[in-house]
Amino acid sequence: MSPILARATRIYAKAGTGESSQPWYNMAKSDTTGQPIEVMIYDDIGGWGLRAADFIRDLKALDDGKSAITVAIDSDGGDVFDGFAISNALARLGDRCTVRIDGLAASAASVIACGAHRVVMAENTMMMIHNPWTWASGDAEELRKTADVLDKVTGGLMATYRAKAPKMDAATLKTMLDAETWLSPIEAVALGLADEISGTVPVKARALSPTLAKYRNRPKALVEKDQPAAPVNEPAPKSPQESVPYIAALAARLTQACIKAGFPQLAEKVIVSTALKDEATVAAEVGRIEAVAALCLTAKLPELAGDYLAAGLGAEAVRARLFDKLVAADVGEIDNREPPPSDAPQARSPNSTEIYAARKGKLQADASKGKAK
């Protein structure tokens, strides 16, 4: 049997698997009337001998068809088909279901989150989306089949994310999947993958997780050691301009500009650099991104735009650097030696036959003129 058809070969929406010492989910229903059913997904999805079928069966056993259901997530991801099944099951619950991201919703965990009617992210959490991944073995034909299946699974991921964020166009989403994109709560809300940002939840970033360590583009914040939380004073009340919708709109504008320029991974950096101070600051940054991308594209050096943007260079500085590069590329080494004889243009040698024929023709022409007189 082809390895892509064997159940032992699983397709992951993550970079690998790790060992677990406990089931990856648990559920509880309060005896108090009106309390939601609490579900926790705090491990690798599909691990520990438990599959989506077990999760859905246990949830149905607790669900009375009326109670709200809250699904708390802190997971690196897992089996993508388990993720699809659970996401679809949550979607069927309608507006009774809320997903609360307590730490990380990566890969298949983000797929599950997008099945909920409402997604709430704490201020210190993250969501990560990327292309599916699997192990494969076999001959060339079997590996080609595996690649075809992965492409189709990517289509399923895109359908899931766009069902949650219908305003996101397919090209933008594919770029984000290819780049392995890590989203802050503001970015996720701006894109439509989350609905609300709540207060900070004290969680520990699992930077030493063997699966998390295999991701390509982990944010630096996730690889730093945990530090004791410093006491903080209560913040002053926010002005209306600092409300979440206003901030999210500014973040969305910057995020879309980075995606359009082809550098979605820079969104977080430019958001931090501007501090989303005000519309004028964001507009200036969007203008810088667009100008730098356009200059590099015109110079046929689009690959340089990302480094220039990350360095914070403005249009004038980029124009000067591109000019220097183009001049350096056009001016080659001057060689004042004479070219070899074989390269020199050769003068045509006199042809005696042609000369004689020309003279004879002239004499005959002159003779004809004399007779005519």
Protein backbone atom coordinates (compact mmCIF):
# COMPACT_ATOMS: atom_id res chain seq x y z
CA MET A 1 0.00 0.00 0.00
CA SER A 2 1.19 3.50 -0.77
CA PRO A 3 2.46 5.22 2.41
CA ILE A 4 0.08 8.11 1.86
CA LEU A 5 -2.85 5.73 2.25
CA ALA A 6 -1.58 3.98 5.35
CA ARG A 7 -3.06 5.32 8.58
CA ALA A 8 0.36 4.96 10.21
CA THR A 9 1.57 7.78 7.99
CA ARG A 10 -0.10 10.91 9.32
CA ILE A 11 -0.05 14.41 7.92
CA TYR A 12 0.80 17.08 10.43
CA ALA A 13 0.14 20.77 10.43
CA LYS A 14 3.28 21.13 12.52
CA ALA A 15 7.02 20.57 12.36
CA GLY A 16 7.21 17.31 14.28
CA THR A 17 5.90 15.36 17.22
CA GLY A 18 6.91 15.13 20.83
CA GLU A 19 6.33 12.72 23.67
CA SER A 20 3.41 13.32 26.00
CA SER A 21 2.80 11.97 29.48
CA GLN A 22 -0.93 12.72 29.58
CA PRO A 23 -3.97 12.91 27.29
CA TRP A 24 -3.97 15.98 25.08
CA TYR A 25 -7.47 17.10 26.09
CA ASN A 26 -9.82 17.03 29.04
CA MET A 27 -13.39 18.18 29.56
CA ALA A 28 -15.59 19.06 32.49
CA LYS A 29 -19.17 20.18 33.02
CA SER A 30 -20.03 22.24 36.08
CA ASP A 31 -22.93 21.26 38.31
CA THR A 32 -23.83 24.94 38.49
CA THR A 33 -26.58 25.90 36.10
CA GLY A 34 -25.57 28.32 33.38
CA GLN A 35 -21.86 27.53 33.51
CA PRO A 36 -20.18 26.61 30.20
CA ILE A 37 -18.73 23.21 29.45
CA GLU A 38 -14.96 23.63 29.78
CA VAL A 39 -12.66 21.88 27.30
CA MET A 40 -8.86 22.11 27.42
CA ILE A 41 -6.51 21.23 24.55
CA TYR A 42 -3.07 21.59 26.07
CA ASP A 43 -0.92 19.12 24.13
CA ASP A 44 -0.18 17.56 20.74
CA ILE A 45 -3.46 16.96 18.91
CA GLY A 46 -3.98 13.32 17.98
CA GLY A 47 -1.31 11.98 20.33
CA TRP A 48 -1.40 9.60 23.29
CA GLY A 49 -3.61 7.13 21.42
CA LEU A 50 -6.55 9.55 21.32
CA ARG A 51 -7.99 10.75 18.03
CA ALA A 52 -10.62 13.25 16.94
CA ALA A 53 -13.28 10.54 17.24
CA ASP A 54 -12.53 10.20 20.96
CA PHE A 55 -12.64 13.97 21.46
CA ILE A 56 -15.97 14.36 19.68
CA ARG A 57 -17.53 11.37 21.44
CA ASP A 58 -16.53 12.71 24.88
CA LEU A 59 -17.82 16.18 24.02
CA LYS A 60 -21.17 14.81 22.87
CA ALA A 61 -21.48 12.89 26.13
CA LEU A 62 -21.25 16.17 28.09
CA ASP A 63 -23.21 18.41 25.72
CA ASP A 64 -26.87 18.96 26.60
CA GLY A 65 -27.48 20.94 23.43
CA LYS A 66 -28.00 24.21 25.33
CA SER A 67 -24.91 25.01 27.37
CA ALA A 68 -22.16 27.26 26.11
CA ILE A 69 -18.88 25.49 25.36
CA THR A 70 -15.48 27.09 25.94
CA VAL A 71 -12.43 25.43 24.38
CA ALA A 72 -9.12 26.60 25.88
CA ILE A 73 -6.08 26.02 23.65
CA ASP A 74 -2.34 25.94 24.26
CA SER A 75 -0.95 23.54 21.67
CA ASP A 76 1.90 23.25 19.18
CA GLY A 77 -0.43 21.51 16.72
CA GLY A 78 -0.79 17.90 15.64
CA ASP A 79 -2.54 15.69 13.11
CA VAL A 80 -4.20 17.90 10.51
CA PHE A 81 -7.13 15.56 9.82
CA ASP A 82 -7.92 15.39 13.53
CA GLY A 83 -7.76 19.19 13.45
CA PHE A 84 -10.21 19.36 10.54
CA ALA A 85 -12.63 16.96 12.24
CA ILE A 86 -12.63 18.85 15.55
CA SER A 87 -12.87 22.22 13.81
CA ASN A 88 -15.93 21.06 11.87
CA ALA A 89 -17.49 19.64 15.04
CA LEU A 90 -17.05 22.98 16.82
CA ALA A 91 -18.51 24.84 13.83
CA ARG A 92 -21.66 22.71 14.08
CA LEU A 93 -22.17 23.98 17.63
CA GLY A 94 -22.88 27.46 16.25
CA ASP A 95 -22.73 30.48 18.53
CA ARG A 96 -22.55 28.30 21.64
CA CYS A 97 -18.85 27.66 21.04
CA THR A 98 -16.01 30.01 21.99
CA VAL A 99 -12.30 29.22 21.65
CA ARG A 100 -10.01 30.89 24.16
CA ILE A 101 -6.33 30.86 23.23
CA ASP A 102 -4.42 30.68 26.49
CA GLY A 103 -0.90 30.35 25.09
CA LEU A 104 -0.16 29.14 21.58
CA ALA A 105 -2.51 27.95 18.85
CA ALA A 106 -0.12 26.66 16.22
CA SER A 107 -0.80 24.68 13.05
CA ALA A 108 -3.59 22.15 13.64
CA ALA A 109 -4.49 23.99 16.85
CA SER A 110 -5.16 27.14 14.83
CA VAL A 111 -7.38 25.06 12.53
CA ILE A 112 -9.43 23.98 15.55
CA ALA A 113 -9.63 27.56 16.79
CA CYS A 114 -11.07 28.74 13.49
CA GLY A 115 -14.00 26.36 13.84
CA ALA A 116 -15.39 28.31 16.78
CA HIS A 117 -18.03 30.99 16.43
CA ARG A 118 -15.85 33.32 18.51
CA VAL A 119 -12.09 33.29 19.07
CA VAL A 120 -10.64 35.20 22.03
CA MET A 121 -6.88 35.67 22.41
CA ALA A 122 -5.16 36.91 25.54
CA GLU A 123 -2.75 39.79 24.99
CA ASN A 124 0.31 37.58 25.49
CA THR A 125 -0.68 34.70 23.20
CA MET A 126 0.09 33.79 19.60
CA MET A 127 -1.36 31.98 16.61
CA MET A 128 0.78 30.32 13.95
CA ILE A 129 -0.22 29.11 10.49
CA HIS A 130 1.87 27.23 7.91
CA ASN A 131 1.80 24.52 5.27
CA PRO A 132 1.20 20.85 6.20
CA TRP A 133 4.11 18.51 6.78
CA THR A 134 4.56 14.74 6.84
CA TRP A 135 7.01 11.87 6.72
CA ALA A 136 7.07 9.82 3.53
CA SER A 137 8.94 6.88 2.06
CA GLY A 138 8.75 4.91 -1.14
CA ASP A 139 9.70 5.27 -4.78
CA ALA A 140 9.51 8.45 -6.86
CA GLU A 141 5.91 7.85 -7.87
CA GLU A 142 4.79 7.39 -4.27
CA LEU A 143 6.61 10.55 -3.20
CA ARG A 144 4.90 12.48 -6.00
CA LYS A 145 1.54 11.19 -4.75
CA THR A 146 2.44 12.32 -1.25
CA ALA A 147 3.26 15.81 -2.54
CA ASP A 148 -0.10 15.90 -4.36
CA VAL A 149 -1.90 14.98 -1.14
CA LEU A 150 -0.06 17.72 0.76
CA ASP A 151 -1.15 20.24 -1.87
CA LYS A 152 -4.76 19.16 -1.40
CA VAL A 153 -4.42 19.39 2.38
CA THR A 154 -3.10 22.93 1.92
CA GLY A 155 -6.32 23.67 0.06
CA GLY A 156 -8.25 22.38 3.06
CA LEU A 157 -6.28 24.63 5.40
CA MET A 158 -6.97 27.64 3.22
CA ALA A 159 -10.69 26.82 3.14
CA THR A 160 -10.76 26.60 6.95
CA TYR A 161 -8.95 29.89 7.50
CA ARG A 162 -10.97 31.74 4.86
CA ALA A 163 -14.22 30.46 6.37
CA LYS A 164 -13.18 32.28 9.54
CA ALA A 165 -11.66 35.28 7.72
CA PRO A 166 -13.60 35.61 4.44
CA LYS A 167 -12.07 39.00 3.60
CA MET A 168 -8.59 37.49 3.32
CA ASP A 169 -7.75 36.79 -0.32
CA ALA A 170 -6.28 33.44 -1.34
CA ALA A 171 -2.95 34.82 -2.58
CA THR A 172 -2.30 36.63 0.70
CA LEU A 173 -3.15 33.56 2.75
CA LYS A 174 -0.94 31.28 0.63
CA THR A 175 1.97 33.67 1.09
CA MET A 176 1.46 33.54 4.85
CA LEU A 177 1.30 29.72 4.87
CA ASP A 178 4.48 29.47 2.79
CA ALA A 179 6.30 31.85 5.13
CA GLU A 180 5.17 30.12 8.38
CA THR A 181 3.48 33.17 9.88
CA TRP A 182 3.30 33.90 13.61
CA LEU A 183 0.47 36.24 14.53
CA SER A 184 0.08 38.42 17.60
CA PRO A 185 -3.47 38.94 18.89
CA ILE A 186 -3.67 42.33 17.17
CA GLU A 187 -2.58 40.82 13.85
CA ALA A 188 -4.96 37.87 14.17
CA VAL A 189 -7.90 40.18 14.91
CA ALA A 190 -6.89 42.48 12.06
CA LEU A 191 -6.90 39.55 9.62
CA GLY A 192 -10.17 38.15 10.95
CA LEU A 193 -8.72 34.94 12.41
CA ALA A 194 -9.63 36.08 15.93
CA ASP A 195 -12.49 38.20 17.22
CA GLU A 196 -11.42 39.65 20.55
CA ILE A 197 -8.39 40.39 22.71
CA SER A 198 -8.70 39.78 26.43
CA GLY A 199 -6.41 40.62 29.33
CA THR A 200 -3.09 38.92 29.94
CA VAL A 201 -3.20 35.30 31.04
CA PRO A 202 -0.15 34.06 33.01
CA VAL A 203 1.22 31.23 30.85
CA LYS A 204 4.72 29.87 30.28
CA ALA A 205 6.08 29.89 26.73
CA ARG A 206 7.10 26.32 25.96
CA ALA A 207 10.29 27.38 24.20
CA LEU A 208 12.07 24.13 25.00
CA SER A 209 9.33 21.96 23.53
CA PRO A 210 10.93 19.50 21.06
CA THR A 211 8.23 20.28 18.52
CA LEU A 212 8.28 24.05 18.92
CA ALA A 213 12.06 24.01 18.49
CA LYS A 214 11.64 22.66 14.95
CA TYR A 215 9.62 25.57 13.64
CA ARG A 216 11.58 27.79 11.26
CA ASN A 217 10.44 31.26 12.20
CA ARG A 218 9.87 31.19 15.95
CA PRO A 219 9.60 34.71 17.39
CA LYS A 220 12.47 35.62 19.69
CA ALA A 221 10.05 36.05 22.57
CA LEU A 222 9.37 32.31 22.53
CA VAL A 223 13.00 31.26 22.81
CA GLU A 224 13.94 33.53 25.69
CA LYS A 225 13.93 32.06 29.17
CA ASP A 226 10.91 32.72 31.32
CA GLN A 227 11.41 35.70 33.59
CA PRO A 228 9.48 36.39 36.81
CA ALA A 229 6.70 38.84 36.11
CA ALA A 230 7.51 42.27 37.50
CA PRO A 231 4.80 44.00 39.48
CA VAL A 232 2.96 46.52 37.37
CA ASN A 233 0.75 49.43 38.24
CA GLU A 234 -2.81 49.52 37.03
CA PRO A 235 -2.83 51.25 33.63
CA ALA A 236 -4.69 54.49 33.21
CA PRO A 237 -8.03 54.25 31.42
CA LYS A 238 -7.56 54.17 27.67
CA SER A 239 -8.88 56.93 25.50
CA PRO A 240 -11.37 56.01 22.78
CA GLN A 241 -8.59 56.33 20.22
CA GLU A 242 -6.64 53.60 22.01
CA SER A 243 -9.51 51.12 21.93
CA VAL A 244 -8.91 47.66 20.49
CA PRO A 245 -10.85 48.25 17.23
CA TYR A 246 -8.83 51.40 16.52
CA ILE A 247 -5.50 49.71 17.29
CA ALA A 248 -6.53 46.62 15.30
CA ALA A 249 -7.37 48.77 12.29
CA LEU A 250 -3.91 50.38 12.39
CA ALA A 251 -2.27 46.96 12.75
CA ALA A 252 -4.32 45.61 9.87
CA ARG A 253 -3.16 48.43 7.62
CA LEU A 254 0.49 47.71 8.37
CA THR A 255 0.03 43.95 8.11
CA GLN A 256 -1.65 44.20 4.72
CA ALA A 257 1.10 46.53 3.48
CA CYS A 258 3.77 44.01 4.47
CA ILE A 259 1.86 41.15 2.87
CA LYS A 260 1.32 43.12 -0.34
CA ALA A 261 5.04 43.90 -0.48
CA GLY A 262 5.77 40.18 -0.14
CA PHE A 263 7.18 40.28 3.39
CA PRO A 264 4.47 39.15 5.85
CA GLN A 265 7.17 38.20 8.36
CA LEU A 266 7.99 41.90 8.83
CA ALA A 267 4.51 42.82 10.05
CA GLU A 268 5.29 42.33 13.72
CA LYS A 269 8.54 44.31 13.44
CA VAL A 270 6.94 47.35 11.81
CA ILE A 271 4.01 47.25 14.23
CA VAL A 272 6.44 47.35 17.14
CA SER A 273 8.59 50.06 15.54
CA THR A 274 5.62 52.37 15.00
CA ALA A 275 4.01 51.47 18.34
CA LEU A 276 0.76 52.11 16.43
CA LYS A 277 1.09 55.67 17.70
CA ASP A 278 -1.47 57.27 15.42
CA GLU A 279 -2.82 57.26 11.87
CA ALA A 280 -0.14 59.65 10.60
CA THR A 281 2.67 57.42 11.88
CA VAL A 282 1.11 54.32 10.37
CA ALA A 283 0.44 56.08 7.06
CA ALA A 284 4.09 57.17 6.89
CA GLU A 285 5.26 53.61 7.54
CA VAL A 286 2.90 52.20 4.90
CA GLY A 287 4.28 54.79 2.47
CA ARG A 288 7.83 53.72 3.29
CA ILE A 289 7.01 50.04 2.74
CA GLU A 290 5.33 50.72 -0.60
CA ALA A 291 8.09 53.07 -1.79
CA VAL A 292 10.94 50.71 -0.89
CA ALA A 293 9.19 47.73 -2.49
CA ALA A 294 8.50 49.74 -5.66
CA LEU A 295 12.08 51.02 -5.92
CA CYS A 296 13.55 47.52 -5.59
CA LEU A 297 11.07 46.14 -8.11
CA THR A 298 11.92 48.90 -10.61
CA ALA A 299 15.63 48.18 -10.15
CA LYS A 300 14.90 44.47 -10.74
CA LEU A 301 16.29 43.71 -7.28
CA PRO A 302 13.09 42.86 -5.35
CA GLU A 303 14.96 40.43 -3.13
CA LEU A 304 16.69 43.37 -1.40
CA ALA A 305 13.47 45.02 -0.23
CA GLY A 306 13.07 42.83 2.84
CA ASP A 307 16.50 43.67 4.24
CA TYR A 308 16.06 47.38 3.51
CA LEU A 309 12.66 47.44 5.21
CA ALA A 310 13.91 45.49 8.22
CA ALA A 311 16.80 47.96 8.56
CA GLY A 312 14.34 50.86 8.65
CA LEU A 313 15.75 52.55 5.54
CA GLY A 314 13.67 55.23 3.84
CA ALA A 315 13.07 55.70 0.13
CA GLU A 316 15.99 58.12 -0.40
CA ALA A 317 18.50 55.86 1.32
CA VAL A 318 17.27 52.86 -0.65
CA ARG A 319 17.41 54.81 -3.92
CA ALA A 320 21.06 55.69 -3.23
CA ARG A 321 21.99 52.11 -2.40
CA LEU A 322 20.25 50.74 -5.47
CA PHE A 323 22.00 53.33 -7.65
CA ASP A 324 25.39 52.25 -6.29
CA LYS A 325 24.58 48.59 -6.95
CA LEU A 326 23.39 49.24 -10.49
CA VAL A 327 26.47 51.36 -11.31
CA ALA A 328 28.76 48.69 -9.89
CA ALA A 329 27.01 46.04 -11.96
CA ASP A 330 27.19 48.06 -15.21
CA VAL A 331 30.85 49.18 -15.02
CA GLY A 332 33.05 46.20 -15.79
CA GLU A 333 36.85 45.94 -15.72
CA ILE A 334 38.53 48.11 -18.41
CA ASP A 335 40.92 46.12 -20.64
CA ASN A 336 43.12 48.32 -22.89
CA ARG A 337 44.95 45.47 -24.60
CA GLU A 338 44.51 44.92 -28.32
CA PRO A 339 42.12 42.11 -29.14
CA PRO A 340 43.62 38.92 -30.55
CA PRO A 341 43.95 38.85 -34.36
CA SER A 342 41.07 36.44 -34.71
CA ASP A 343 38.76 39.01 -33.11
CA ALA A 344 39.87 41.96 -35.27
CA PRO A 345 37.76 42.88 -38.32
CA GLN A 346 39.43 41.56 -41.47
CA ALA A 347 39.75 43.82 -44.59
CA ARG A 348 38.62 42.20 -47.85
CA SER A 349 41.48 41.29 -50.22
CA PRO A 350 41.39 42.68 -53.86
CA ASN A 351 39.84 40.31 -56.39
CA SER A 352 41.62 40.49 -59.80
CA THR A 353 38.81 38.78 -61.66
CA GLU A 354 36.27 41.29 -60.42
CA ILE A 355 38.60 44.19 -61.35
CA TYR A 356 39.15 42.84 -64.90
CA ALA A 357 35.42 42.29 -65.43
CA ALA A 358 34.66 45.82 -64.25
CA ARG A 359 37.25 47.36 -66.64
CA LYS A 360 36.02 45.28 -69.56
CA GLY A 361 32.46 46.34 -68.88
CA LYS A 362 33.49 50.00 -68.83
CA LEU A 363 35.38 49.71 -72.15
CA GLN A 364 32.44 48.05 -73.83
CA ALA A 365 30.14 50.76 -72.53
CA ASP A 366 32.44 53.48 -73.89
CA ALA A 367 32.62 51.74 -77.29
CA SER A 368 28.86 51.55 -77.49
CA LYS A 369 28.59 55.25 -76.82
CA GLY A 370 31.07 55.98 -79.67
CA LYS A 371 29.05 54.02 -82.22
CA ALA A 372 25.92 55.74 -81.14
CA LYS A 373 27.44 59.05 -82.12
